[in-house]
Amino acid sequence: MSVVVGTCLAMLTVAAALALLRVARGPTMLDRVVALDIIVAVVVIALCVEAAVNRHATTLPAIVVLSLVGFLGAVSIARYAAKEEER
């Protein structure tokens, strides 16, 4: 079990590092927003892994709230970008 958890955490760390690199080097605002959305998804997945390893559901409200915040942020940025393209 610890090998699986270690592999999951290593992959999540690499994904977060690459997303942070895109935030730093992203040429447009949309690149940065997508990278920040990926970081929110990585945090949600890390919380899910932690809950599965420790066999508890106390982090479930935080997972739901972070998922909703990430979704609403992505939708609002997409609507903002669509309005910018019309002008």
PDB file of N, CA and C in Angstrom:
ATOM      1  N   MET A   1       0.824  -1.195   0.000  1.00  0.00           N
ATOM      2  CA  MET A   1       0.000   0.000   0.000  1.00  0.00           C
ATOM      3  C   MET A   1       0.864   1.253   0.000  1.00  0.00           C
ATOM      4  N   SER A   2       1.972   1.236   0.720  1.00  0.00           N
ATOM      5  CA  SER A   2       2.792   2.442   0.805  1.00  0.00           C
ATOM      6  C   SER A   2       3.479   2.749  -0.523  1.00  0.00           C
ATOM      7  N   VAL A   3       3.730   1.728  -1.342  1.00  0.00           N
ATOM      8  CA  VAL A   3       4.334   1.959  -2.659  1.00  0.00           C
ATOM      9  C   VAL A   3       3.343   2.693  -3.553  1.00  0.00           C
ATOM     10  N   VAL A   4       2.089   2.293  -3.483  1.00  0.00           N
ATOM     11  CA  VAL A   4       1.052   2.940  -4.292  1.00  0.00           C
ATOM     12  C   VAL A   4       0.873   4.390  -3.863  1.00  0.00           C
ATOM     13  N   VAL A   5       0.831   4.627  -2.569  1.00  0.00           N
ATOM     14  CA  VAL A   5       0.671   5.983  -2.053  1.00  0.00           C
ATOM     15  C   VAL A   5       1.878   6.839  -2.433  1.00  0.00           C
ATOM     16  N   GLY A   6       3.058   6.294  -2.307  1.00  0.00           N
ATOM     17  CA  GLY A   6       4.262   7.031  -2.686  1.00  0.00           C
ATOM     18  C   GLY A   6       4.285   7.369  -4.164  1.00  0.00           C
ATOM     19  N   THR A   7       3.860   6.429  -4.995  1.00  0.00           N
ATOM     20  CA  THR A   7       3.791   6.681  -6.436  1.00  0.00           C
ATOM     21  C   THR A   7       2.769   7.761  -6.755  1.00  0.00           C
ATOM     22  N   CYS A   8       1.613   7.692  -6.113  1.00  0.00           N
ATOM     23  CA  CYS A   8       0.585   8.716  -6.324  1.00  0.00           C
ATOM     24  C   CYS A   8       1.081  10.096  -5.914  1.00  0.00           C
ATOM     25  N   LEU A   9       1.703  10.174  -4.767  1.00  0.00           N
ATOM     26  CA  LEU A   9       2.200  11.468  -4.293  1.00  0.00           C
ATOM     27  C   LEU A   9       3.338  11.993  -5.165  1.00  0.00           C
ATOM     28  N   ALA A  10       4.169  11.105  -5.676  1.00  0.00           N
ATOM     29  CA  ALA A  10       5.242  11.538  -6.578  1.00  0.00           C
ATOM     30  C   ALA A  10       4.660  12.100  -7.876  1.00  0.00           C
ATOM     31  N   MET A  11       3.667  11.428  -8.421  1.00  0.00           N
ATOM     32  CA  MET A  11       3.045  11.922  -9.649  1.00  0.00           C
ATOM     33  C   MET A  11       2.321  13.247  -9.415  1.00  0.00           C
ATOM     34  N   LEU A  12       1.670  13.383  -8.267  1.00  0.00           N
ATOM     35  CA  LEU A  12       1.006  14.643  -7.945  1.00  0.00           C
ATOM     36  C   LEU A  12       2.010  15.773  -7.769  1.00  0.00           C
ATOM     37  N   THR A  13       3.154  15.465  -7.183  1.00  0.00           N
ATOM     38  CA  THR A  13       4.199  16.479  -7.014  1.00  0.00           C
ATOM     39  C   THR A  13       4.733  16.941  -8.354  1.00  0.00           C
ATOM     40  N   VAL A  14       4.961  16.011  -9.256  1.00  0.00           N
ATOM     41  CA  VAL A  14       5.447  16.374 -10.596  1.00  0.00           C
ATOM     42  C   VAL A  14       4.405  17.210 -11.328  1.00  0.00           C
ATOM     43  N   ALA A  15       3.133  16.823 -11.225  1.00  0.00           N
ATOM     44  CA  ALA A  15       2.069  17.583 -11.882  1.00  0.00           C
ATOM     45  C   ALA A  15       1.970  18.997 -11.329  1.00  0.00           C
ATOM     46  N   ALA A  16       2.081  19.142 -10.018  1.00  0.00           N
ATOM     47  CA  ALA A  16       2.017  20.473  -9.410  1.00  0.00           C
ATOM     48  C   ALA A  16       3.223  21.312  -9.805  1.00  0.00           C
ATOM     49  N   ALA A  17       4.401  20.703  -9.863  1.00  0.00           N
ATOM     50  CA  ALA A  17       5.599  21.447 -10.254  1.00  0.00           C
ATOM     51  C   ALA A  17       5.506  21.921 -11.699  1.00  0.00           C
ATOM     52  N   LEU A  18       5.018  21.068 -12.582  1.00  0.00           N
ATOM     53  CA  LEU A  18       4.862  21.469 -13.978  1.00  0.00           C
ATOM     54  C   LEU A  18       3.790  22.550 -14.139  1.00  0.00           C
ATOM     55  N   ALA A  19       2.730  22.468 -13.344  1.00  0.00           N
ATOM     56  CA  ALA A  19       1.705  23.506 -13.397  1.00  0.00           C
ATOM     57  C   ALA A  19       2.242  24.832 -12.867  1.00  0.00           C
ATOM     58  N   LEU A  20       3.053  24.782 -11.817  1.00  0.00           N
ATOM     59  CA  LEU A  20       3.673  26.012 -11.318  1.00  0.00           C
ATOM     60  C   LEU A  20       4.619  26.621 -12.345  1.00  0.00           C
ATOM     61  N   LEU A  21       5.295  25.774 -13.084  1.00  0.00           N
ATOM     62  CA  LEU A  21       6.158  26.267 -14.152  1.00  0.00           C
ATOM     63  C   LEU A  21       5.329  26.972 -15.218  1.00  0.00           C
ATOM     64  N   ARG A  22       4.164  26.417 -15.546  1.00  0.00           N
ATOM     65  CA  ARG A  22       3.295  27.055 -16.530  1.00  0.00           C
ATOM     66  C   ARG A  22       2.737  28.367 -16.002  1.00  0.00           C
ATOM     67  N   VAL A  23       2.471  28.441 -14.702  1.00  0.00           N
ATOM     68  CA  VAL A  23       2.001  29.700 -14.119  1.00  0.00           C
ATOM     69  C   VAL A  23       3.086  30.766 -14.250  1.00  0.00           C
ATOM     70  N   ALA A  24       4.315  30.379 -14.013  1.00  0.00           N
ATOM     71  CA  ALA A  24       5.416  31.344 -14.073  1.00  0.00           C
ATOM     72  C   ALA A  24       5.747  31.762 -15.500  1.00  0.00           C
ATOM     73  N   ARG A  25       5.671  30.820 -16.442  1.00  0.00           N
ATOM     74  CA  ARG A  25       6.121  31.108 -17.797  1.00  0.00           C
ATOM     75  C   ARG A  25       4.997  31.301 -18.795  1.00  0.00           C
ATOM     76  N   GLY A  26       3.750  31.141 -18.364  1.00  0.00           N
ATOM     77  CA  GLY A  26       2.627  31.198 -19.295  1.00  0.00           C
ATOM     78  C   GLY A  26       2.558  32.531 -20.023  1.00  0.00           C
ATOM     79  N   PRO A  27       2.501  32.489 -21.337  1.00  0.00           N
ATOM     80  CA  PRO A  27       2.496  33.752 -22.070  1.00  0.00           C
ATOM     81  C   PRO A  27       1.176  34.515 -21.966  1.00  0.00           C
ATOM     82  N   THR A  28       0.074  33.816 -21.756  1.00  0.00           N
ATOM     83  CA  THR A  28      -1.209  34.504 -21.674  1.00  0.00           C
ATOM     84  C   THR A  28      -1.860  34.251 -20.324  1.00  0.00           C
ATOM     85  N   MET A  29      -2.893  35.052 -20.073  1.00  0.00           N
ATOM     86  CA  MET A  29      -3.629  34.900 -18.827  1.00  0.00           C
ATOM     87  C   MET A  29      -4.361  33.558 -18.789  1.00  0.00           C
ATOM     88  N   LEU A  30      -4.871  33.119 -19.919  1.00  0.00           N
ATOM     89  CA  LEU A  30      -5.592  31.847 -19.944  1.00  0.00           C
ATOM     90  C   LEU A  30      -4.684  30.668 -19.622  1.00  0.00           C
ATOM     91  N   ASP A  31      -3.423  30.714 -20.068  1.00  0.00           N
ATOM     92  CA  ASP A  31      -2.475  29.657 -19.703  1.00  0.00           C
ATOM     93  C   ASP A  31      -2.280  29.603 -18.200  1.00  0.00           C
ATOM     94  N   ARG A  32      -2.171  30.747 -17.599  1.00  0.00           N
ATOM     95  CA  ARG A  32      -1.979  30.796 -16.146  1.00  0.00           C
ATOM     96  C   ARG A  32      -3.214  30.307 -15.396  1.00  0.00           C
ATOM     97  N   VAL A  33      -4.390  30.662 -15.893  1.00  0.00           N
ATOM     98  CA  VAL A  33      -5.624  30.238 -15.234  1.00  0.00           C
ATOM     99  C   VAL A  33      -5.800  28.732 -15.336  1.00  0.00           C
ATOM    100  N   VAL A  34      -5.524  28.167 -16.490  1.00  0.00           N
ATOM    101  CA  VAL A  34      -5.621  26.716 -16.638  1.00  0.00           C
ATOM    102  C   VAL A  34      -4.624  26.018 -15.712  1.00  0.00           C
ATOM    103  N   ALA A  35      -3.422  26.559 -15.590  1.00  0.00           N
ATOM    104  CA  ALA A  35      -2.427  25.969 -14.694  1.00  0.00           C
ATOM    105  C   ALA A  35      -2.884  26.054 -13.239  1.00  0.00           C
ATOM    106  N   LEU A  36      -3.491  27.165 -12.849  1.00  0.00           N
ATOM    107  CA  LEU A  36      -4.000  27.271 -11.482  1.00  0.00           C
ATOM    108  C   LEU A  36      -5.168  26.322 -11.243  1.00  0.00           C
ATOM    109  N   ASP A  37      -5.967  26.076 -12.263  1.00  0.00           N
ATOM    110  CA  ASP A  37      -7.042  25.098 -12.156  1.00  0.00           C
ATOM    111  C   ASP A  37      -6.475  23.694 -11.978  1.00  0.00           C
ATOM    112  N   ILE A  38      -5.373  23.409 -12.653  1.00  0.00           N
ATOM    113  CA  ILE A  38      -4.701  22.118 -12.481  1.00  0.00           C
ATOM    114  C   ILE A  38      -4.162  21.985 -11.061  1.00  0.00           C
ATOM    115  N   ILE A  39      -3.630  23.059 -10.520  1.00  0.00           N
ATOM    116  CA  ILE A  39      -3.110  23.018  -9.147  1.00  0.00           C
ATOM    117  C   ILE A  39      -4.238  22.740  -8.157  1.00  0.00           C
ATOM    118  N   VAL A  40      -5.406  23.357  -8.374  1.00  0.00           N
ATOM    119  CA  VAL A  40      -6.553  23.082  -7.499  1.00  0.00           C
ATOM    120  C   VAL A  40      -6.953  21.613  -7.615  1.00  0.00           C
ATOM    121  N   ALA A  41      -6.946  21.072  -8.816  1.00  0.00           N
ATOM    122  CA  ALA A  41      -7.283  19.659  -9.005  1.00  0.00           C
ATOM    123  C   ALA A  41      -6.270  18.753  -8.315  1.00  0.00           C
ATOM    124  N   VAL A  42      -4.993  19.107  -8.376  1.00  0.00           N
ATOM    125  CA  VAL A  42      -3.956  18.314  -7.712  1.00  0.00           C
ATOM    126  C   VAL A  42      -4.159  18.334  -6.199  1.00  0.00           C
ATOM    127  N   VAL A  43      -4.521  19.482  -5.650  1.00  0.00           N
ATOM    128  CA  VAL A  43      -4.763  19.568  -4.205  1.00  0.00           C
ATOM    129  C   VAL A  43      -5.969  18.714  -3.817  1.00  0.00           C
ATOM    130  N   VAL A  44      -7.017  18.747  -4.638  1.00  0.00           N
ATOM    131  CA  VAL A  44      -8.201  17.926  -4.359  1.00  0.00           C
ATOM    132  C   VAL A  44      -7.840  16.446  -4.391  1.00  0.00           C
ATOM    133  N   ILE A  45      -7.071  16.041  -5.382  1.00  0.00           N
ATOM    134  CA  ILE A  45      -6.672  14.633  -5.478  1.00  0.00           C
ATOM    135  C   ILE A  45      -5.775  14.243  -4.311  1.00  0.00           C
ATOM    136  N   ALA A  46      -4.888  15.138  -3.898  1.00  0.00           N
ATOM    137  CA  ALA A  46      -4.027  14.840  -2.750  1.00  0.00           C
ATOM    138  C   ALA A  46      -4.860  14.663  -1.479  1.00  0.00           C
ATOM    139  N   LEU A  47      -5.885  15.477  -1.315  1.00  0.00           N
ATOM    140  CA  LEU A  47      -6.771  15.305  -0.164  1.00  0.00           C
ATOM    141  C   LEU A  47      -7.536  13.987  -0.245  1.00  0.00           C
ATOM    142  N   CYS A  48      -7.922  13.590  -1.444  1.00  0.00           N
ATOM    143  CA  CYS A  48      -8.601  12.295  -1.611  1.00  0.00           C
ATOM    144  C   CYS A  48      -7.674  11.137  -1.268  1.00  0.00           C
ATOM    145  N   VAL A  49      -6.424  11.228  -1.692  1.00  0.00           N
ATOM    146  CA  VAL A  49      -5.452  10.179  -1.364  1.00  0.00           C
ATOM    147  C   VAL A  49      -5.240  10.115   0.145  1.00  0.00           C
ATOM    148  N   GLU A  50      -5.134  11.275   0.771  1.00  0.00           N
ATOM    149  CA  GLU A  50      -4.945  11.310   2.228  1.00  0.00           C
ATOM    150  C   GLU A  50      -6.139  10.703   2.946  1.00  0.00           C
ATOM    151  N   ALA A  51      -7.347  11.003   2.481  1.00  0.00           N
ATOM    152  CA  ALA A  51      -8.545  10.440   3.099  1.00  0.00           C
ATOM    153  C   ALA A  51      -8.617   8.928   2.893  1.00  0.00           C
ATOM    154  N   ALA A  52      -8.198   8.459   1.723  1.00  0.00           N
ATOM    155  CA  ALA A  52      -8.226   7.020   1.457  1.00  0.00           C
ATOM    156  C   ALA A  52      -7.187   6.276   2.289  1.00  0.00           C
ATOM    157  N   VAL A  53      -6.019   6.877   2.464  1.00  0.00           N
ATOM    158  CA  VAL A  53      -4.965   6.220   3.239  1.00  0.00           C
ATOM    159  C   VAL A  53      -5.347   6.135   4.707  1.00  0.00           C
ATOM    160  N   ASN A  54      -5.882   7.216   5.251  1.00  0.00           N
ATOM    161  CA  ASN A  54      -6.223   7.242   6.671  1.00  0.00           C
ATOM    162  C   ASN A  54      -7.626   6.724   6.962  1.00  0.00           C
ATOM    163  N   ARG A  55      -8.362   6.371   5.918  1.00  0.00           N
ATOM    164  CA  ARG A  55      -9.701   5.798   6.038  1.00  0.00           C
ATOM    165  C   ARG A  55     -10.641   6.646   6.892  1.00  0.00           C
ATOM    166  N   HIS A  56     -10.766   7.900   6.501  1.00  0.00           N
ATOM    167  CA  HIS A  56     -11.721   8.777   7.172  1.00  0.00           C
ATOM    168  C   HIS A  56     -12.367   9.700   6.144  1.00  0.00           C
ATOM    169  N   ALA A  57     -13.455  10.311   6.541  1.00  0.00           N
ATOM    170  CA  ALA A  57     -14.190  11.185   5.631  1.00  0.00           C
ATOM    171  C   ALA A  57     -14.266  12.612   6.156  1.00  0.00           C
ATOM    172  N   THR A  58     -13.365  12.970   7.035  1.00  0.00           N
ATOM    173  CA  THR A  58     -13.424  14.317   7.608  1.00  0.00           C
ATOM    174  C   THR A  58     -12.968  15.386   6.622  1.00  0.00           C
ATOM    175  N   THR A  59     -12.229  15.006   5.598  1.00  0.00           N
ATOM    176  CA  THR A  59     -11.784  15.992   4.613  1.00  0.00           C
ATOM    177  C   THR A  59     -12.767  16.122   3.448  1.00  0.00           C
ATOM    178  N   LEU A  60     -13.864  15.385   3.488  1.00  0.00           N
ATOM    179  CA  LEU A  60     -14.831  15.439   2.401  1.00  0.00           C
ATOM    180  C   LEU A  60     -15.422  16.838   2.185  1.00  0.00           C
ATOM    181  N   PRO A  61     -15.791  17.582   3.225  1.00  0.00           N
ATOM    182  CA  PRO A  61     -16.288  18.948   2.973  1.00  0.00           C
ATOM    183  C   PRO A  61     -15.242  19.847   2.293  1.00  0.00           C
ATOM    184  N   ALA A  62     -13.991  19.718   2.678  1.00  0.00           N
ATOM    185  CA  ALA A  62     -12.945  20.519   2.038  1.00  0.00           C
ATOM    186  C   ALA A  62     -12.772  20.129   0.576  1.00  0.00           C
ATOM    187  N   ILE A  63     -12.892  18.840   0.289  1.00  0.00           N
ATOM    188  CA  ILE A  63     -12.784  18.363  -1.089  1.00  0.00           C
ATOM    189  C   ILE A  63     -13.917  18.930  -1.931  1.00  0.00           C
ATOM    190  N   VAL A  64     -15.119  18.901  -1.400  1.00  0.00           N
ATOM    191  CA  VAL A  64     -16.285  19.404  -2.144  1.00  0.00           C
ATOM    192  C   VAL A  64     -16.162  20.905  -2.377  1.00  0.00           C
ATOM    193  N   VAL A  65     -15.776  21.647  -1.359  1.00  0.00           N
ATOM    194  CA  VAL A  65     -15.646  23.100  -1.494  1.00  0.00           C
ATOM    195  C   VAL A  65     -14.558  23.458  -2.494  1.00  0.00           C
ATOM    196  N   LEU A  66     -13.409  22.806  -2.420  1.00  0.00           N
ATOM    197  CA  LEU A  66     -12.342  23.089  -3.383  1.00  0.00           C
ATOM    198  C   LEU A  66     -12.756  22.734  -4.802  1.00  0.00           C
ATOM    199  N   SER A  67     -13.475  21.664  -4.966  1.00  0.00           N
ATOM    200  CA  SER A  67     -13.956  21.291  -6.302  1.00  0.00           C
ATOM    201  C   SER A  67     -14.911  22.335  -6.851  1.00  0.00           C
ATOM    202  N   LEU A  68     -15.820  22.802  -6.018  1.00  0.00           N
ATOM    203  CA  LEU A  68     -16.759  23.837  -6.464  1.00  0.00           C
ATOM    204  C   LEU A  68     -16.060  25.148  -6.777  1.00  0.00           C
ATOM    205  N   VAL A  69     -15.095  25.533  -5.959  1.00  0.00           N
ATOM    206  CA  VAL A  69     -14.348  26.760  -6.212  1.00  0.00           C
ATOM    207  C   VAL A  69     -13.568  26.655  -7.520  1.00  0.00           C
ATOM    208  N   GLY A  70     -12.944  25.522  -7.746  1.00  0.00           N
ATOM    209  CA  GLY A  70     -12.206  25.324  -8.993  1.00  0.00           C
ATOM    210  C   GLY A  70     -13.116  25.365 -10.203  1.00  0.00           C
ATOM    211  N   PHE A  71     -14.281  24.721 -10.106  1.00  0.00           N
ATOM    212  CA  PHE A  71     -15.227  24.715 -11.218  1.00  0.00           C
ATOM    213  C   PHE A  71     -15.765  26.115 -11.492  1.00  0.00           C
ATOM    214  N   LEU A  72     -16.193  26.802 -10.452  1.00  0.00           N
ATOM    215  CA  LEU A  72     -16.738  28.143 -10.645  1.00  0.00           C
ATOM    216  C   LEU A  72     -15.684  29.110 -11.160  1.00  0.00           C
ATOM    217  N   GLY A  73     -14.461  28.962 -10.707  1.00  0.00           N
ATOM    218  CA  GLY A  73     -13.386  29.813 -11.217  1.00  0.00           C
ATOM    219  C   GLY A  73     -13.117  29.567 -12.685  1.00  0.00           C
ATOM    220  N   ALA A  74     -13.105  28.320 -13.093  1.00  0.00           N
ATOM    221  CA  ALA A  74     -12.860  27.997 -14.502  1.00  0.00           C
ATOM    222  C   ALA A  74     -13.998  28.497 -15.383  1.00  0.00           C
ATOM    223  N   VAL A  75     -15.228  28.357 -14.921  1.00  0.00           N
ATOM    224  CA  VAL A  75     -16.371  28.822 -15.709  1.00  0.00           C
ATOM    225  C   VAL A  75     -16.371  30.343 -15.821  1.00  0.00           C
ATOM    226  N   SER A  76     -16.075  31.031 -14.735  1.00  0.00           N
ATOM    227  CA  SER A  76     -16.083  32.491 -14.785  1.00  0.00           C
ATOM    228  C   SER A  76     -14.962  33.026 -15.680  1.00  0.00           C
ATOM    229  N   ILE A  77     -13.811  32.414 -15.642  1.00  0.00           N
ATOM    230  CA  ILE A  77     -12.720  32.847 -16.526  1.00  0.00           C
ATOM    231  C   ILE A  77     -13.065  32.545 -17.977  1.00  0.00           C
ATOM    232  N   ALA A  78     -13.702  31.422 -18.231  1.00  0.00           N
ATOM    233  CA  ALA A  78     -14.099  31.093 -19.605  1.00  0.00           C
ATOM    234  C   ALA A  78     -15.127  32.094 -20.131  1.00  0.00           C
ATOM    235  N   ARG A  79     -16.043  32.497 -19.293  1.00  0.00           N
ATOM    236  CA  ARG A  79     -17.025  33.505 -19.722  1.00  0.00           C
ATOM    237  C   ARG A  79     -16.350  34.850 -19.951  1.00  0.00           C
ATOM    238  N   TYR A  80     -15.408  35.200 -19.097  1.00  0.00           N
ATOM    239  CA  TYR A  80     -14.672  36.454 -19.266  1.00  0.00           C
ATOM    240  C   TYR A  80     -13.871  36.424 -20.563  1.00  0.00           C
ATOM    241  N   ALA A  81     -13.223  35.318 -20.862  1.00  0.00           N
ATOM    242  CA  ALA A  81     -12.423  35.204 -22.082  1.00  0.00           C
ATOM    243  C   ALA A  81     -13.312  35.243 -23.318  1.00  0.00           C
ATOM    244  N   ALA A  82     -14.495  34.656 -23.241  1.00  0.00           N
ATOM    245  CA  ALA A  82     -15.414  34.686 -24.378  1.00  0.00           C
ATOM    246  C   ALA A  82     -15.887  36.101 -24.654  1.00  0.00           C
ATOM    247  N   LYS A  83     -16.115  36.885 -23.609  1.00  0.00           N
ATOM    248  CA  LYS A  83     -16.537  38.276 -23.794  1.00  0.00           C
ATOM    249  C   LYS A  83     -15.409  39.126 -24.343  1.00  0.00           C
ATOM    250  N   GLU A  84     -14.178  38.818 -23.949  1.00  0.00           N
ATOM    251  CA  GLU A  84     -13.019  39.554 -24.466  1.00  0.00           C
ATOM    252  C   GLU A  84     -12.832  39.304 -25.957  1.00  0.00           C
ATOM    253  N   GLU A  85     -13.095  38.084 -26.428  1.00  0.00           N
ATOM    254  CA  GLU A  85     -12.927  37.763 -27.842  1.00  0.00           C
ATOM    255  C   GLU A  85     -13.983  38.450 -28.694  1.00  0.00           C
ATOM    256  N   GLU A  86     -15.174  38.695 -28.143  1.00  0.00           N
ATOM    257  CA  GLU A  86     -16.227  39.367 -28.907  1.00  0.00           C
ATOM    258  C   GLU A  86     -15.870  40.808 -29.201  1.00  0.00           C
ATOM    259  N   ARG A  87     -15.145  41.452 -28.322  1.00  0.00           N
ATOM    260  CA  ARG A  87     -14.799  42.862 -28.494  1.00  0.00           C
ATOM    261  C   ARG A  87     -13.744  42.980 -29.491  1.00  0.00           C
TER     262      ARG A  87
END
